[in-house]
Amino acid sequence: MKRFAVVLAGCGVFDGAEIHEAVLTLLAIDRAGASWQCFAPDIAQRHVVNHLTGQEMPEKRNVLVESARIARGNIKPLSRFNATEFDALIFPGGFGAAKNLCDWAIRGDACTVNPDVEKAVRSMHAAGKPVGAMCIAPVILARLFKGISLTTGDDPASGKFIEKTGNLYARTTHGEVVTDRDRKFFTTPCYMLDASISQIAEGAENIVREIMAYL
């Protein structure tokens, strides 16, 4: 059975992992006949957003602890990730990917990637194993590499960043997956587009299917 590592960024679209994308990715992996293990960095969350009002809240939370809500407790600190134990790595989106896994949402072109995230991605890439990124998460790959094809749908800000970092930006619509065959990177837009939950499910299923074809 092929094994996926799924990296979460908290719990909730505005300050963590996008819950629909995360859960539907786990479902797609299971339906593809593979298994998954969730990971998250054990760090303070950038900030906490009230998802009812959209306002920032005066409290602090931990990315690993919040991510455990989605994983039903079946989650490990990303610092313990070992590329030899997995066949593929995938990042659901949500603003947490651009706030907690990297800081693109805060620093834009000057953004940096969390060290544990970078180590996980680079170790999988060095081993020739597939890496997938959904929604806004492709900005992580753009910061770490050059010359790869990526998509965030048709979003001008992230698209310009991807191009500025020396990568190729592909404009896509619902369910489409951009595959960089030579370097085994896979991206799909999900909620970077105005999407229904069934369209998110389609994107999750398609990216997992594309990755499985390379395993």
C-alpha atoms as a PDB file:
ATOM      1  CA  MET A   1       0.000   0.000   0.000  1.00  0.00           C
ATOM      2  CA  LYS A   2       1.360   3.417  -0.988  1.00  0.00           C
ATOM      3  CA  ARG A   3       1.743   5.938   1.834  1.00  0.00           C
ATOM      4  CA  PHE A   4       0.978   9.667   1.652  1.00  0.00           C
ATOM      5  CA  ALA A   5       2.190  12.257   4.138  1.00  0.00           C
ATOM      6  CA  VAL A   6      -0.376  15.071   4.409  1.00  0.00           C
ATOM      7  CA  VAL A   7       0.865  18.355   5.879  1.00  0.00           C
ATOM      8  CA  LEU A   8      -1.743  20.508   7.620  1.00  0.00           C
ATOM      9  CA  ALA A   9      -1.450  24.157   8.635  1.00  0.00           C
ATOM     10  CA  GLY A  10      -3.982  24.476  11.435  1.00  0.00           C
ATOM     11  CA  CYS A  11      -7.769  24.216  11.315  1.00  0.00           C
ATOM     12  CA  GLY A  12      -9.835  26.714   9.345  1.00  0.00           C
ATOM     13  CA  VAL A  13      -9.550  28.460   5.997  1.00  0.00           C
ATOM     14  CA  PHE A  14      -8.586  31.934   7.260  1.00  0.00           C
ATOM     15  CA  ASP A  15      -5.812  30.984   9.688  1.00  0.00           C
ATOM     16  CA  GLY A  16      -5.070  27.295   9.089  1.00  0.00           C
ATOM     17  CA  ALA A  17      -5.746  24.400   6.743  1.00  0.00           C
ATOM     18  CA  GLU A  18      -8.858  24.573   4.558  1.00  0.00           C
ATOM     19  CA  ILE A  19     -11.001  21.882   6.137  1.00  0.00           C
ATOM     20  CA  HIS A  20     -12.876  20.761   3.012  1.00  0.00           C
ATOM     21  CA  GLU A  21      -9.624  20.433   1.067  1.00  0.00           C
ATOM     22  CA  ALA A  22      -7.923  18.569   3.897  1.00  0.00           C
ATOM     23  CA  VAL A  23     -10.719  16.063   4.540  1.00  0.00           C
ATOM     24  CA  LEU A  24     -11.428  15.464   0.860  1.00  0.00           C
ATOM     25  CA  THR A  25      -7.725  14.842   0.267  1.00  0.00           C
ATOM     26  CA  LEU A  26      -7.701  12.185   2.974  1.00  0.00           C
ATOM     27  CA  LEU A  27     -10.823  10.652   1.430  1.00  0.00           C
ATOM     28  CA  ALA A  28      -9.278  10.673  -2.058  1.00  0.00           C
ATOM     29  CA  ILE A  29      -6.145   8.965  -0.769  1.00  0.00           C
ATOM     30  CA  ASP A  30      -8.204   6.286   0.977  1.00  0.00           C
ATOM     31  CA  ARG A  31     -10.379   5.693  -2.093  1.00  0.00           C
ATOM     32  CA  ALA A  32      -7.257   5.382  -4.245  1.00  0.00           C
ATOM     33  CA  GLY A  33      -6.205   2.422  -2.127  1.00  0.00           C
ATOM     34  CA  ALA A  34      -3.402   4.239  -0.342  1.00  0.00           C
ATOM     35  CA  SER A  35      -2.885   5.222   3.288  1.00  0.00           C
ATOM     36  CA  TRP A  36      -2.115   8.571   4.889  1.00  0.00           C
ATOM     37  CA  GLN A  37      -0.397  10.084   7.885  1.00  0.00           C
ATOM     38  CA  CYS A  38      -0.981  13.708   8.850  1.00  0.00           C
ATOM     39  CA  PHE A  39       1.799  16.024   9.975  1.00  0.00           C
ATOM     40  CA  ALA A  40       1.973  19.661  11.068  1.00  0.00           C
ATOM     41  CA  PRO A  41       4.718  21.903  12.398  1.00  0.00           C
ATOM     42  CA  ASP A  42       4.695  22.243  16.177  1.00  0.00           C
ATOM     43  CA  ILE A  43       4.728  26.051  16.147  1.00  0.00           C
ATOM     44  CA  ALA A  44       2.614  28.989  17.224  1.00  0.00           C
ATOM     45  CA  GLN A  45      -0.110  29.904  14.762  1.00  0.00           C
ATOM     46  CA  ARG A  46       0.427  33.278  13.008  1.00  0.00           C
ATOM     47  CA  HIS A  47      -2.880  34.578  14.396  1.00  0.00           C
ATOM     48  CA  VAL A  48      -6.388  33.377  15.175  1.00  0.00           C
ATOM     49  CA  VAL A  49      -9.377  34.439  13.085  1.00  0.00           C
ATOM     50  CA  ASN A  50     -13.017  34.264  14.157  1.00  0.00           C
ATOM     51  CA  HIS A  51     -14.486  32.394  11.197  1.00  0.00           C
ATOM     52  CA  LEU A  52     -17.958  33.755  11.958  1.00  0.00           C
ATOM     53  CA  THR A  53     -17.003  37.442  11.832  1.00  0.00           C
ATOM     54  CA  GLY A  54     -13.689  37.379   9.967  1.00  0.00           C
ATOM     55  CA  GLN A  55     -12.075  39.382  12.755  1.00  0.00           C
ATOM     56  CA  GLU A  56      -8.767  38.560  14.421  1.00  0.00           C
ATOM     57  CA  MET A  57      -9.093  37.219  17.951  1.00  0.00           C
ATOM     58  CA  PRO A  58      -6.840  38.110  20.929  1.00  0.00           C
ATOM     59  CA  GLU A  59      -5.620  34.579  21.627  1.00  0.00           C
ATOM     60  CA  LYS A  60      -2.841  32.184  20.679  1.00  0.00           C
ATOM     61  CA  ARG A  61      -3.032  28.672  19.274  1.00  0.00           C
ATOM     62  CA  ASN A  62      -0.618  25.960  18.172  1.00  0.00           C
ATOM     63  CA  VAL A  63      -0.568  24.715  14.554  1.00  0.00           C
ATOM     64  CA  LEU A  64      -0.050  21.061  15.501  1.00  0.00           C
ATOM     65  CA  VAL A  65      -2.771  21.116  18.151  1.00  0.00           C
ATOM     66  CA  GLU A  66      -5.260  22.802  15.809  1.00  0.00           C
ATOM     67  CA  SER A  67      -4.408  20.442  12.938  1.00  0.00           C
ATOM     68  CA  ALA A  68      -5.117  17.490  15.232  1.00  0.00           C
ATOM     69  CA  ARG A  69      -8.798  18.489  15.097  1.00  0.00           C
ATOM     70  CA  ILE A  70      -8.927  17.550  11.406  1.00  0.00           C
ATOM     71  CA  ALA A  71      -6.773  14.451  11.815  1.00  0.00           C
ATOM     72  CA  ARG A  72      -8.844  13.202  14.781  1.00  0.00           C
ATOM     73  CA  GLY A  73      -5.617  13.125  16.767  1.00  0.00           C
ATOM     74  CA  ASN A  74      -3.794  10.930  14.249  1.00  0.00           C
ATOM     75  CA  ILE A  75      -1.023  13.420  13.565  1.00  0.00           C
ATOM     76  CA  LYS A  76       2.705  13.834  14.162  1.00  0.00           C
ATOM     77  CA  PRO A  77       5.036  16.839  14.466  1.00  0.00           C
ATOM     78  CA  LEU A  78       6.488  17.630  11.054  1.00  0.00           C
ATOM     79  CA  SER A  79       9.956  17.585  12.614  1.00  0.00           C
ATOM     80  CA  ARG A  80       9.557  13.773  12.804  1.00  0.00           C
ATOM     81  CA  PHE A  81       8.847  13.379   9.079  1.00  0.00           C
ATOM     82  CA  ASN A  82      11.116  10.862   7.332  1.00  0.00           C
ATOM     83  CA  ALA A  83      10.998  10.733   3.537  1.00  0.00           C
ATOM     84  CA  THR A  84      12.056   7.090   3.491  1.00  0.00           C
ATOM     85  CA  GLU A  85       8.747   6.123   5.116  1.00  0.00           C
ATOM     86  CA  PHE A  86       6.467   7.712   2.505  1.00  0.00           C
ATOM     87  CA  ASP A  87       5.789   7.519  -1.213  1.00  0.00           C
ATOM     88  CA  ALA A  88       4.261  10.987  -1.667  1.00  0.00           C
ATOM     89  CA  LEU A  89       3.808  14.303   0.143  1.00  0.00           C
ATOM     90  CA  ILE A  90       0.813  16.598  -0.260  1.00  0.00           C
ATOM     91  CA  PHE A  91      -0.250  20.005   1.082  1.00  0.00           C
ATOM     92  CA  PRO A  92      -3.937  20.987   1.244  1.00  0.00           C
ATOM     93  CA  GLY A  93      -4.466  24.741   1.076  1.00  0.00           C
ATOM     94  CA  GLY A  94      -6.068  27.380   3.251  1.00  0.00           C
ATOM     95  CA  PHE A  95      -4.470  30.654   4.342  1.00  0.00           C
ATOM     96  CA  GLY A  96      -2.495  28.730   6.965  1.00  0.00           C
ATOM     97  CA  ALA A  97      -0.324  27.378   4.162  1.00  0.00           C
ATOM     98  CA  ALA A  98       0.662  30.972   3.395  1.00  0.00           C
ATOM     99  CA  LYS A  99       0.776  32.131   7.027  1.00  0.00           C
ATOM    100  CA  ASN A 100       2.062  29.170   9.054  1.00  0.00           C
ATOM    101  CA  LEU A 101       3.851  26.867   6.593  1.00  0.00           C
ATOM    102  CA  CYS A 102       5.402  29.885   4.910  1.00  0.00           C
ATOM    103  CA  ASP A 103       4.766  33.615   5.357  1.00  0.00           C
ATOM    104  CA  TRP A 104       3.853  34.619   1.807  1.00  0.00           C
ATOM    105  CA  ALA A 105       0.542  36.137   2.967  1.00  0.00           C
ATOM    106  CA  ILE A 106       2.505  38.444   5.275  1.00  0.00           C
ATOM    107  CA  ARG A 107       5.771  39.169   3.453  1.00  0.00           C
ATOM    108  CA  GLY A 108       4.926  38.550  -0.181  1.00  0.00           C
ATOM    109  CA  ASP A 109       8.003  38.375  -2.412  1.00  0.00           C
ATOM    110  CA  ALA A 110      10.306  38.320   0.644  1.00  0.00           C
ATOM    111  CA  CYS A 111       8.602  35.280   2.151  1.00  0.00           C
ATOM    112  CA  THR A 112      10.397  32.367   3.765  1.00  0.00           C
ATOM    113  CA  VAL A 113       9.371  28.738   4.315  1.00  0.00           C
ATOM    114  CA  ASN A 114       9.141  27.037   7.695  1.00  0.00           C
ATOM    115  CA  PRO A 115      12.336  24.950   8.152  1.00  0.00           C
ATOM    116  CA  ASP A 116      10.469  21.685   8.789  1.00  0.00           C
ATOM    117  CA  VAL A 117       8.319  22.253   5.704  1.00  0.00           C
ATOM    118  CA  GLU A 118      11.377  22.976   3.586  1.00  0.00           C
ATOM    119  CA  LYS A 119      13.188  19.898   4.893  1.00  0.00           C
ATOM    120  CA  ALA A 120      10.204  17.661   4.120  1.00  0.00           C
ATOM    121  CA  VAL A 121       9.781  18.988   0.583  1.00  0.00           C
ATOM    122  CA  ARG A 122      13.464  18.908  -0.277  1.00  0.00           C
ATOM    123  CA  SER A 123      13.963  15.415   1.116  1.00  0.00           C
ATOM    124  CA  MET A 124      11.073  14.053  -0.948  1.00  0.00           C
ATOM    125  CA  HIS A 125      12.303  15.846  -4.055  1.00  0.00           C
ATOM    126  CA  ALA A 126      15.835  14.533  -3.540  1.00  0.00           C
ATOM    127  CA  ALA A 127      14.408  11.021  -3.332  1.00  0.00           C
ATOM    128  CA  GLY A 128      12.512  11.496  -6.610  1.00  0.00           C
ATOM    129  CA  LYS A 129       9.131  11.223  -4.881  1.00  0.00           C
ATOM    130  CA  PRO A 130       5.998  13.208  -5.816  1.00  0.00           C
ATOM    131  CA  VAL A 131       4.992  16.400  -4.006  1.00  0.00           C
ATOM    132  CA  GLY A 132       1.488  17.842  -4.374  1.00  0.00           C
ATOM    133  CA  ALA A 133       0.167  21.268  -3.404  1.00  0.00           C
ATOM    134  CA  MET A 134      -3.402  22.554  -3.499  1.00  0.00           C
ATOM    135  CA  CYS A 135      -5.008  26.000  -3.466  1.00  0.00           C
ATOM    136  CA  ILE A 136      -2.417  28.594  -2.250  1.00  0.00           C
ATOM    137  CA  ALA A 137       0.136  25.972  -1.107  1.00  0.00           C
ATOM    138  CA  PRO A 138       2.029  26.060  -4.464  1.00  0.00           C
ATOM    139  CA  VAL A 139       3.664  29.317  -3.310  1.00  0.00           C
ATOM    140  CA  ILE A 140       5.728  27.112  -0.972  1.00  0.00           C
ATOM    141  CA  LEU A 141       7.135  25.215  -3.948  1.00  0.00           C
ATOM    142  CA  ALA A 142       7.702  28.453  -5.845  1.00  0.00           C
ATOM    143  CA  ARG A 143       9.840  29.803  -3.007  1.00  0.00           C
ATOM    144  CA  LEU A 144      11.966  26.640  -2.852  1.00  0.00           C
ATOM    145  CA  PHE A 145      12.484  25.839  -6.537  1.00  0.00           C
ATOM    146  CA  LYS A 146      12.888  27.420  -9.963  1.00  0.00           C
ATOM    147  CA  GLY A 147      11.780  26.320 -13.395  1.00  0.00           C
ATOM    148  CA  ILE A 148       8.743  24.265 -12.388  1.00  0.00           C
ATOM    149  CA  SER A 149       5.167  24.515 -13.661  1.00  0.00           C
ATOM    150  CA  LEU A 150       2.640  25.510 -10.974  1.00  0.00           C
ATOM    151  CA  THR A 151      -0.942  26.700 -10.707  1.00  0.00           C
ATOM    152  CA  THR A 152      -3.135  28.583  -8.255  1.00  0.00           C
ATOM    153  CA  GLY A 153      -6.003  28.825 -10.715  1.00  0.00           C
ATOM    154  CA  ASP A 154      -6.135  32.330 -12.142  1.00  0.00           C
ATOM    155  CA  ASP A 155      -4.990  34.416  -9.188  1.00  0.00           C
ATOM    156  CA  PRO A 156      -2.945  37.492 -10.186  1.00  0.00           C
ATOM    157  CA  ALA A 157      -1.000  37.976  -6.927  1.00  0.00           C
ATOM    158  CA  SER A 158       0.220  34.410  -6.462  1.00  0.00           C
ATOM    159  CA  GLY A 159       0.656  34.017 -10.211  1.00  0.00           C
ATOM    160  CA  LYS A 160       3.021  36.991 -10.337  1.00  0.00           C
ATOM    161  CA  PHE A 161       4.954  35.636  -7.370  1.00  0.00           C
ATOM    162  CA  ILE A 162       5.351  32.246  -9.022  1.00  0.00           C
ATOM    163  CA  GLU A 163       6.694  33.917 -12.142  1.00  0.00           C
ATOM    164  CA  LYS A 164       8.988  36.252 -10.182  1.00  0.00           C
ATOM    165  CA  THR A 165      10.599  33.274  -8.490  1.00  0.00           C
ATOM    166  CA  GLY A 166      11.568  31.872 -11.874  1.00  0.00           C
ATOM    167  CA  ASN A 167       8.767  29.360 -12.265  1.00  0.00           C
ATOM    168  CA  LEU A 168       6.058  28.850 -14.873  1.00  0.00           C
ATOM    169  CA  TYR A 169       2.473  29.830 -14.052  1.00  0.00           C
ATOM    170  CA  ALA A 170      -0.371  27.830 -15.592  1.00  0.00           C
ATOM    171  CA  ARG A 171      -3.902  29.213 -15.488  1.00  0.00           C
ATOM    172  CA  THR A 172      -6.393  26.478 -14.688  1.00  0.00           C
ATOM    173  CA  THR A 173     -10.011  25.893 -13.813  1.00  0.00           C
ATOM    174  CA  HIS A 174     -11.891  23.487 -11.530  1.00  0.00           C
ATOM    175  CA  GLY A 175     -10.405  20.027 -11.148  1.00  0.00           C
ATOM    176  CA  GLU A 176      -7.423  20.624 -13.402  1.00  0.00           C
ATOM    177  CA  VAL A 177      -4.009  19.416 -12.273  1.00  0.00           C
ATOM    178  CA  VAL A 178      -0.722  20.842 -13.471  1.00  0.00           C
ATOM    179  CA  THR A 179       1.934  18.136 -13.506  1.00  0.00           C
ATOM    180  CA  ASP A 180       5.619  18.914 -13.736  1.00  0.00           C
ATOM    181  CA  ARG A 181       6.568  15.467 -14.973  1.00  0.00           C
ATOM    182  CA  ASP A 182      10.319  15.836 -14.802  1.00  0.00           C
ATOM    183  CA  ARG A 183      10.378  16.967 -11.176  1.00  0.00           C
ATOM    184  CA  LYS A 184       7.179  15.286  -9.969  1.00  0.00           C
ATOM    185  CA  PHE A 185       5.365  18.347  -8.653  1.00  0.00           C
ATOM    186  CA  PHE A 186       1.555  18.389  -8.829  1.00  0.00           C
ATOM    187  CA  THR A 187      -0.712  21.405  -8.216  1.00  0.00           C
ATOM    188  CA  THR A 188      -4.447  22.123  -8.449  1.00  0.00           C
ATOM    189  CA  PRO A 189      -6.404  25.338  -7.675  1.00  0.00           C
ATOM    190  CA  CYS A 190      -9.303  24.208  -5.423  1.00  0.00           C
ATOM    191  CA  TYR A 191     -10.617  27.197  -3.422  1.00  0.00           C
ATOM    192  CA  MET A 192      -8.354  29.678  -5.198  1.00  0.00           C
ATOM    193  CA  LEU A 193     -11.355  29.613  -7.521  1.00  0.00           C
ATOM    194  CA  ASP A 194     -14.973  30.248  -6.556  1.00  0.00           C
ATOM    195  CA  ALA A 195     -15.763  26.573  -6.101  1.00  0.00           C
ATOM    196  CA  SER A 196     -18.426  24.224  -4.795  1.00  0.00           C
ATOM    197  CA  ILE A 197     -17.510  21.424  -2.427  1.00  0.00           C
ATOM    198  CA  SER A 198     -18.057  18.893  -5.227  1.00  0.00           C
ATOM    199  CA  GLN A 199     -15.515  20.762  -7.343  1.00  0.00           C
ATOM    200  CA  ILE A 200     -13.064  20.608  -4.433  1.00  0.00           C
ATOM    201  CA  ALA A 201     -13.657  16.867  -4.235  1.00  0.00           C
ATOM    202  CA  GLU A 202     -12.928  16.600  -7.951  1.00  0.00           C
ATOM    203  CA  GLY A 203      -9.671  18.513  -7.539  1.00  0.00           C
ATOM    204  CA  ALA A 204      -8.583  16.344  -4.612  1.00  0.00           C
ATOM    205  CA  GLU A 205      -9.434  13.136  -6.461  1.00  0.00           C
ATOM    206  CA  ASN A 206      -7.624  14.266  -9.597  1.00  0.00           C
ATOM    207  CA  ILE A 207      -4.407  15.337  -7.912  1.00  0.00           C
ATOM    208  CA  VAL A 208      -4.246  12.121  -5.883  1.00  0.00           C
ATOM    209  CA  ARG A 209      -4.925  10.084  -9.033  1.00  0.00           C
ATOM    210  CA  GLU A 210      -2.160  11.922 -10.913  1.00  0.00           C
ATOM    211  CA  ILE A 211       0.300  11.326  -8.082  1.00  0.00           C
ATOM    212  CA  MET A 212      -0.640   7.647  -7.826  1.00  0.00           C
ATOM    213  CA  ALA A 213       0.182   7.227 -11.514  1.00  0.00           C
ATOM    214  CA  TYR A 214       3.807   8.073 -10.668  1.00  0.00           C
ATOM    215  CA  LEU A 215       4.104   5.652  -7.742  1.00  0.00           C
END
